[in-house]
PDB file of N, CA and C in Angstrom:
ATOM      1  N   MET A   1      54.060  35.808 125.603  1.00  0.00           N
ATOM      2  CA  MET A   1      54.068  36.434 127.148  1.00  0.00           C
ATOM      3  C   MET A   1      54.677  34.697 127.925  1.00  0.00           C
ATOM      4  N   ALA A   2      55.765  34.800 128.688  1.00  0.00           N
ATOM      5  CA  ALA A   2      56.190  34.013 129.342  1.00  0.00           C
ATOM      6  C   ALA A   2      55.480  33.519 130.244  1.00  0.00           C
ATOM      7  N   LYS A   3      55.357  32.674 130.395  1.00  0.00           N
ATOM      8  CA  LYS A   3      54.589  31.773 132.062  1.00  0.00           C
ATOM      9  C   LYS A   3      55.662  31.504 133.228  1.00  0.00           C
ATOM     10  N   LYS A   4      54.878  31.569 134.395  1.00  0.00           N
ATOM     11  CA  LYS A   4      56.154  31.167 135.795  1.00  0.00           C
ATOM     12  C   LYS A   4      54.882  30.462 136.510  1.00  0.00           C
ATOM     13  N   VAL A   5      55.728  29.498 137.274  1.00  0.00           N
ATOM     14  CA  VAL A   5      55.197  28.564 138.372  1.00  0.00           C
ATOM     15  C   VAL A   5      55.247  29.475 139.700  1.00  0.00           C
ATOM     16  N   ILE A   6      54.279  29.801 139.694  1.00  0.00           N
ATOM     17  CA  ILE A   6      53.985  30.642 141.392  1.00  0.00           C
ATOM     18  C   ILE A   6      53.694  29.531 142.592  1.00  0.00           C
ATOM     19  N   VAL A   7      54.080  29.672 144.066  1.00  0.00           N
ATOM     20  CA  VAL A   7      53.980  28.614 144.854  1.00  0.00           C
ATOM     21  C   VAL A   7      53.103  29.199 145.755  1.00  0.00           C
ATOM     22  N   LYS A   8      51.727  29.047 146.342  1.00  0.00           N
ATOM     23  CA  LYS A   8      51.039  30.300 146.892  1.00  0.00           C
ATOM     24  C   LYS A   8      51.460  29.439 148.916  1.00  0.00           C
ATOM     25  N   ILE A   9      52.919  29.836 149.012  1.00  0.00           N
ATOM     26  CA  ILE A   9      53.015  29.558 150.719  1.00  0.00           C
ATOM     27  C   ILE A   9      52.247  30.096 151.425  1.00  0.00           C
ATOM     28  N   SER A  10      52.657  31.444 151.122  1.00  0.00           N
ATOM     29  CA  SER A  10      51.856  33.021 151.790  1.00  0.00           C
ATOM     30  C   SER A  10      50.238  32.641 152.055  1.00  0.00           C
ATOM     31  N   GLU A  11      49.544  32.475 151.093  1.00  0.00           N
ATOM     32  CA  GLU A  11      48.562  31.975 150.985  1.00  0.00           C
ATOM     33  C   GLU A  11      48.042  30.927 151.877  1.00  0.00           C
ATOM     34  N   LEU A  12      48.689  29.943 151.835  1.00  0.00           N
ATOM     35  CA  LEU A  12      48.192  28.912 152.569  1.00  0.00           C
ATOM     36  C   LEU A  12      48.469  28.832 154.173  1.00  0.00           C
ATOM     37  N   THR A  13      49.707  29.444 154.461  1.00  0.00           N
ATOM     38  CA  THR A  13      50.057  29.691 155.896  1.00  0.00           C
ATOM     39  C   THR A  13      48.726  30.957 156.202  1.00  0.00           C
ATOM     40  N   ASN A  14      48.356  31.672 155.849  1.00  0.00           N
ATOM     41  CA  ASN A  14      47.239  32.574 156.351  1.00  0.00           C
ATOM     42  C   ASN A  14      46.298  31.555 156.298  1.00  0.00           C
ATOM     43  N   LYS A  15      45.743  31.296 155.197  1.00  0.00           N
ATOM     44  CA  LYS A  15      44.346  30.175 155.270  1.00  0.00           C
ATOM     45  C   LYS A  15      44.090  29.641 156.076  1.00  0.00           C
ATOM     46  N   HIS A  16      45.554  28.773 156.964  1.00  0.00           N
ATOM     47  CA  HIS A  16      45.261  27.883 157.555  1.00  0.00           C
ATOM     48  C   HIS A  16      45.864  28.737 159.174  1.00  0.00           C
ATOM     49  N   ASN A  17      46.026  29.761 158.839  1.00  0.00           N
ATOM     50  CA  ASN A  17      46.255  30.266 160.484  1.00  0.00           C
ATOM     51  C   ASN A  17      47.474  29.730 160.961  1.00  0.00           C
ATOM     52  N   ILE A  18      48.874  29.351 160.511  1.00  0.00           N
ATOM     53  CA  ILE A  18      49.732  28.842 160.524  1.00  0.00           C
ATOM     54  C   ILE A  18      50.889  29.586 160.601  1.00  0.00           C
ATOM     55  N   SER A  19      52.233  29.424 161.270  1.00  0.00           N
ATOM     56  CA  SER A  19      53.449  30.330 160.369  1.00  0.00           C
ATOM     57  C   SER A  19      54.328  29.082 159.118  1.00  0.00           C
ATOM     58  N   LEU A  20      54.998  30.078 158.526  1.00  0.00           N
ATOM     59  CA  LEU A  20      55.909  29.092 158.015  1.00  0.00           C
ATOM     60  C   LEU A  20      56.486  28.462 158.795  1.00  0.00           C
ATOM     61  N   ARG A  21      57.208  28.285 160.115  1.00  0.00           N
ATOM     62  CA  ARG A  21      57.689  27.535 160.730  1.00  0.00           C
ATOM     63  C   ARG A  21      56.649  25.880 161.081  1.00  0.00           C
ATOM     64  N   GLU A  22      55.947  26.502 161.134  1.00  0.00           N
ATOM     65  CA  GLU A  22      54.683  25.229 161.644  1.00  0.00           C
ATOM     66  C   GLU A  22      54.435  24.315 160.796  1.00  0.00           C
ATOM     67  N   LEU A  23      54.398  25.133 159.106  1.00  0.00           N
ATOM     68  CA  LEU A  23      54.488  24.659 158.242  1.00  0.00           C
ATOM     69  C   LEU A  23      55.508  23.305 157.849  1.00  0.00           C
ATOM     70  N   SER A  24      56.539  23.768 158.283  1.00  0.00           N
ATOM     71  CA  SER A  24      57.952  23.446 158.257  1.00  0.00           C
ATOM     72  C   SER A  24      57.685  22.080 159.212  1.00  0.00           C
ATOM     73  N   ARG A  25      57.386  22.399 160.272  1.00  0.00           N
ATOM     74  CA  ARG A  25      57.415  21.211 160.894  1.00  0.00           C
ATOM     75  C   ARG A  25      56.141  19.983 160.504  1.00  0.00           C
ATOM     76  N   LEU A  26      54.808  20.624 160.047  1.00  0.00           N
ATOM     77  CA  LEU A  26      54.003  19.611 159.979  1.00  0.00           C
ATOM     78  C   LEU A  26      54.217  18.866 158.599  1.00  0.00           C
ATOM     79  N   SER A  27      54.673  19.699 157.582  1.00  0.00           N
ATOM     80  CA  SER A  27      55.304  18.925 156.406  1.00  0.00           C
ATOM     81  C   SER A  27      56.173  18.093 156.023  1.00  0.00           C
ATOM     82  N   ASP A  28      57.444  18.211 157.208  1.00  0.00           N
ATOM     83  CA  ASP A  28      59.225  17.926 156.912  1.00  0.00           C
ATOM     84  C   ASP A  28      59.689  18.211 155.854  1.00  0.00           C
ATOM     85  N   VAL A  29      59.114  20.009 155.287  1.00  0.00           N
ATOM     86  CA  VAL A  29      60.093  20.478 154.258  1.00  0.00           C
ATOM     87  C   VAL A  29      61.206  21.809 155.170  1.00  0.00           C
ATOM     88  N   ARG A  30      61.893  22.097 154.506  1.00  0.00           N
ATOM     89  CA  ARG A  30      63.225  22.559 155.332  1.00  0.00           C
ATOM     90  C   ARG A  30      62.451  24.178 155.062  1.00  0.00           C
ATOM     91  N   HIS A  31      62.260  24.883 156.643  1.00  0.00           N
ATOM     92  CA  HIS A  31      62.098  26.614 156.891  1.00  0.00           C
ATOM     93  C   HIS A  31      62.866  26.914 155.141  1.00  0.00           C
ATOM     94  N   ALA A  32      63.870  26.632 155.237  1.00  0.00           N
ATOM     95  CA  ALA A  32      64.668  27.519 154.328  1.00  0.00           C
ATOM     96  C   ALA A  32      63.883  27.837 152.752  1.00  0.00           C
ATOM     97  N   ALA A  33      63.527  26.279 152.866  1.00  0.00           N
ATOM     98  CA  ALA A  33      63.538  25.889 151.782  1.00  0.00           C
ATOM     99  C   ALA A  33      62.152  26.551 151.360  1.00  0.00           C
ATOM    100  N   LEU A  34      60.807  26.424 152.388  1.00  0.00           N
ATOM    101  CA  LEU A  34      59.752  27.030 152.171  1.00  0.00           C
ATOM    102  C   LEU A  34      59.880  28.455 152.234  1.00  0.00           C
ATOM    103  N   SER A  35      61.031  29.108 152.664  1.00  0.00           N
ATOM    104  CA  SER A  35      61.073  30.797 152.473  1.00  0.00           C
ATOM    105  C   SER A  35      61.595  30.825 151.156  1.00  0.00           C
ATOM    106  N   GLU A  36      62.263  30.164 150.304  1.00  0.00           N
ATOM    107  CA  GLU A  36      62.567  30.637 149.084  1.00  0.00           C
ATOM    108  C   GLU A  36      61.343  30.331 148.150  1.00  0.00           C
ATOM    109  N   LEU A  37      60.345  29.554 148.473  1.00  0.00           N
ATOM    110  CA  LEU A  37      59.572  29.190 147.293  1.00  0.00           C
ATOM    111  C   LEU A  37      58.844  30.290 147.660  1.00  0.00           C
ATOM    112  N   ALA A  38      58.502  30.734 148.923  1.00  0.00           N
ATOM    113  CA  ALA A  38      56.912  31.812 149.170  1.00  0.00           C
ATOM    114  C   ALA A  38      57.662  32.912 148.720  1.00  0.00           C
ATOM    115  N   ASN A  39      59.021  33.114 148.706  1.00  0.00           N
ATOM    116  CA  ASN A  39      59.368  34.653 148.239  1.00  0.00           C
ATOM    117  C   ASN A  39      59.986  34.617 146.520  1.00  0.00           C
ATOM    118  N   GLY A  40      59.750  33.351 146.030  1.00  0.00           N
ATOM    119  CA  GLY A  40      59.599  33.393 144.212  1.00  0.00           C
ATOM    120  C   GLY A  40      61.279  33.498 144.408  1.00  0.00           C
ATOM    121  N   LYS A  41      61.978  33.088 144.887  1.00  0.00           N
ATOM    122  CA  LYS A  41      63.811  32.917 145.030  1.00  0.00           C
ATOM    123  C   LYS A  41      64.211  31.564 144.575  1.00  0.00           C
ATOM    124  N   ARG A  42      63.232  30.443 144.378  1.00  0.00           N
ATOM    125  CA  ARG A  42      63.506  28.994 143.448  1.00  0.00           C
ATOM    126  C   ARG A  42      63.046  28.967 142.980  1.00  0.00           C
ATOM    127  N   GLU A  43      64.404  28.419 141.640  1.00  0.00           N
ATOM    128  CA  GLU A  43      64.006  28.214 140.502  1.00  0.00           C
ATOM    129  C   GLU A  43      63.454  27.243 139.897  1.00  0.00           C
ATOM    130  N   ASN A  44      63.623  25.952 141.172  1.00  0.00           N
ATOM    131  CA  ASN A  44      63.202  24.361 140.930  1.00  0.00           C
ATOM    132  C   ASN A  44      62.285  24.027 141.445  1.00  0.00           C
ATOM    133  N   ILE A  45      60.946  22.854 141.577  1.00  0.00           N
ATOM    134  CA  ILE A  45      60.292  23.126 142.445  1.00  0.00           C
ATOM    135  C   ILE A  45      60.235  21.581 143.057  1.00  0.00           C
ATOM    136  N   ASN A  46      60.655  21.109 144.247  1.00  0.00           N
ATOM    137  CA  ASN A  46      60.476  19.587 144.445  1.00  0.00           C
ATOM    138  C   ASN A  46      58.874  19.194 144.682  1.00  0.00           C
ATOM    139  N   PHE A  47      58.676  18.126 143.413  1.00  0.00           N
ATOM    140  CA  PHE A  47      57.159  17.836 143.686  1.00  0.00           C
ATOM    141  C   PHE A  47      56.908  17.066 145.182  1.00  0.00           C
ATOM    142  N   ASN A  48      57.912  16.666 145.731  1.00  0.00           N
ATOM    143  CA  ASN A  48      58.146  15.534 147.056  1.00  0.00           C
ATOM    144  C   ASN A  48      57.280  16.998 147.774  1.00  0.00           C
ATOM    145  N   HIS A  49      58.001  18.204 147.756  1.00  0.00           N
ATOM    146  CA  HIS A  49      57.895  19.098 148.502  1.00  0.00           C
ATOM    147  C   HIS A  49      56.076  19.646 148.760  1.00  0.00           C
ATOM    148  N   ILE A  50      55.741  19.189 147.322  1.00  0.00           N
ATOM    149  CA  ILE A  50      54.782  20.047 147.062  1.00  0.00           C
ATOM    150  C   ILE A  50      53.127  18.811 147.643  1.00  0.00           C
ATOM    151  N   VAL A  51      53.760  17.527 147.326  1.00  0.00           N
ATOM    152  CA  VAL A  51      52.652  16.096 148.351  1.00  0.00           C
ATOM    153  C   VAL A  51      52.947  16.540 149.997  1.00  0.00           C
ATOM    154  N   ARG A  52      53.937  16.952 150.400  1.00  0.00           N
ATOM    155  CA  ARG A  52      54.248  16.872 151.952  1.00  0.00           C
ATOM    156  C   ARG A  52      53.433  18.270 152.361  1.00  0.00           C
ATOM    157  N   ILE A  53      53.021  19.475 151.251  1.00  0.00           N
ATOM    158  CA  ILE A  53      52.891  20.195 152.107  1.00  0.00           C
ATOM    159  C   ILE A  53      50.837  19.847 151.500  1.00  0.00           C
ATOM    160  N   ALA A  54      50.497  19.357 150.770  1.00  0.00           N
ATOM    161  CA  ALA A  54      49.560  18.804 150.506  1.00  0.00           C
ATOM    162  C   ALA A  54      48.784  18.023 151.709  1.00  0.00           C
ATOM    163  N   GLU A  55      49.379  16.709 151.975  1.00  0.00           N
ATOM    164  CA  GLU A  55      49.566  15.972 153.264  1.00  0.00           C
ATOM    165  C   GLU A  55      49.228  16.750 154.453  1.00  0.00           C
ATOM    166  N   ALA A  56      49.806  17.505 154.688  1.00  0.00           N
ATOM    167  CA  ALA A  56      50.158  18.002 155.975  1.00  0.00           C
ATOM    168  C   ALA A  56      48.541  19.014 156.470  1.00  0.00           C
ATOM    169  N   LEU A  57      48.525  19.735 155.353  1.00  0.00           N
ATOM    170  CA  LEU A  57      47.195  20.856 155.189  1.00  0.00           C
ATOM    171  C   LEU A  57      46.260  20.386 154.494  1.00  0.00           C
ATOM    172  N   GLU A  58      45.935  18.573 154.718  1.00  0.00           N
ATOM    173  CA  GLU A  58      45.145  18.250 153.468  1.00  0.00           C
ATOM    174  C   GLU A  58      44.100  18.626 152.609  1.00  0.00           C
ATOM    175  N   ILE A  59      45.230  18.973 151.240  1.00  0.00           N
ATOM    176  CA  ILE A  59      44.805  19.473 150.345  1.00  0.00           C
ATOM    177  C   ILE A  59      44.887  18.593 149.361  1.00  0.00           C
ATOM    178  N   GLN A  60      43.790  18.223 148.548  1.00  0.00           N
ATOM    179  CA  GLN A  60      43.189  17.426 147.521  1.00  0.00           C
ATOM    180  C   GLN A  60      43.531  17.708 146.392  1.00  0.00           C
ATOM    181  N   ASP A  61      43.418  19.307 145.857  1.00  0.00           N
ATOM    182  CA  ASP A  61      43.559  19.818 144.467  1.00  0.00           C
ATOM    183  C   ASP A  61      44.797  21.083 144.795  1.00  0.00           C
ATOM    184  N   ILE A  62      45.625  20.822 143.936  1.00  0.00           N
ATOM    185  CA  ILE A  62      47.045  21.267 143.507  1.00  0.00           C
ATOM    186  C   ILE A  62      47.032  22.416 143.178  1.00  0.00           C
ATOM    187  N   ARG A  63      45.676  22.713 142.524  1.00  0.00           N
ATOM    188  CA  ARG A  63      45.455  24.346 142.168  1.00  0.00           C
ATOM    189  C   ARG A  63      46.096  25.374 143.655  1.00  0.00           C
ATOM    190  N   GLU A  64      45.242  24.733 144.875  1.00  0.00           N
ATOM    191  CA  GLU A  64      45.010  25.391 146.125  1.00  0.00           C
ATOM    192  C   GLU A  64      47.249  25.546 146.197  1.00  0.00           C
ATOM    193  N   ILE A  65      47.969  25.140 145.778  1.00  0.00           N
ATOM    194  CA  ILE A  65      49.278  25.049 146.381  1.00  0.00           C
ATOM    195  C   ILE A  65      50.459  25.959 145.167  1.00  0.00           C
ATOM    196  N   VAL A  66      50.020  25.702 143.680  1.00  0.00           N
ATOM    197  CA  VAL A  66      50.814  26.460 143.092  1.00  0.00           C
ATOM    198  C   VAL A  66      49.619  26.657 141.974  1.00  0.00           C
ATOM    199  N   ASP A  67      50.195  27.779 140.862  1.00  0.00           N
ATOM    200  CA  ASP A  67      49.160  28.890 140.554  1.00  0.00           C
ATOM    201  C   ASP A  67      50.142  28.696 139.017  1.00  0.00           C
ATOM    202  N   LEU A  68      49.642  29.102 137.768  1.00  0.00           N
ATOM    203  CA  LEU A  68      50.529  29.433 136.793  1.00  0.00           C
ATOM    204  C   LEU A  68      49.863  30.728 136.028  1.00  0.00           C
ATOM    205  N   VAL A  69      51.303  31.513 135.868  1.00  0.00           N
ATOM    206  CA  VAL A  69      50.891  32.856 135.364  1.00  0.00           C
ATOM    207  C   VAL A  69      51.284  33.349 134.541  1.00  0.00           C
ATOM    208  N   GLU A  70      51.179  34.416 133.476  1.00  0.00           N
ATOM    209  CA  GLU A  70      51.796  34.930 132.736  1.00  0.00           C
ATOM    210  C   GLU A  70      52.616  36.307 133.637  1.00  0.00           C
ATOM    211  N   VAL A  71      53.272  36.154 132.921  1.00  0.00           N
ATOM    212  CA  VAL A  71      54.719  37.115 133.625  1.00  0.00           C
ATOM    213  C   VAL A  71      54.991  38.025 131.804  1.00  0.00           C
ATOM    214  N   ASP A  72      55.541  39.594 131.970  1.00  0.00           N
ATOM    215  CA  ASP A  72      56.294  39.882 131.289  1.00  0.00           C
ATOM    216  C   ASP A  72      57.590  39.700 131.008  1.00  0.00           C
ATOM    217  N   GLU A  73      58.304  39.412 129.771  1.00  0.00           N
ATOM    218  CA  GLU A  73      59.568  39.071 129.709  1.00  0.00           C
ATOM    219  C   GLU A  73      60.411  40.274 130.044  1.00  0.00           C
TER     220      GLU A  73
END
């Protein structure tokens, strides 16, 4: 089975009760980039974005932001 990295943007915005636009403002990551991550449309992940999201939401554990899941090929 293949594996895929999932960025849990929707879960984060729900948990912290903020909009995608607010997360963009807090993290200084473009709204379009966050939207693409949330919808699984991005093939590459910018680790600086992950760091900025973690700092904005005061997250200490990267597993709150990303997950590794198995997918059918």
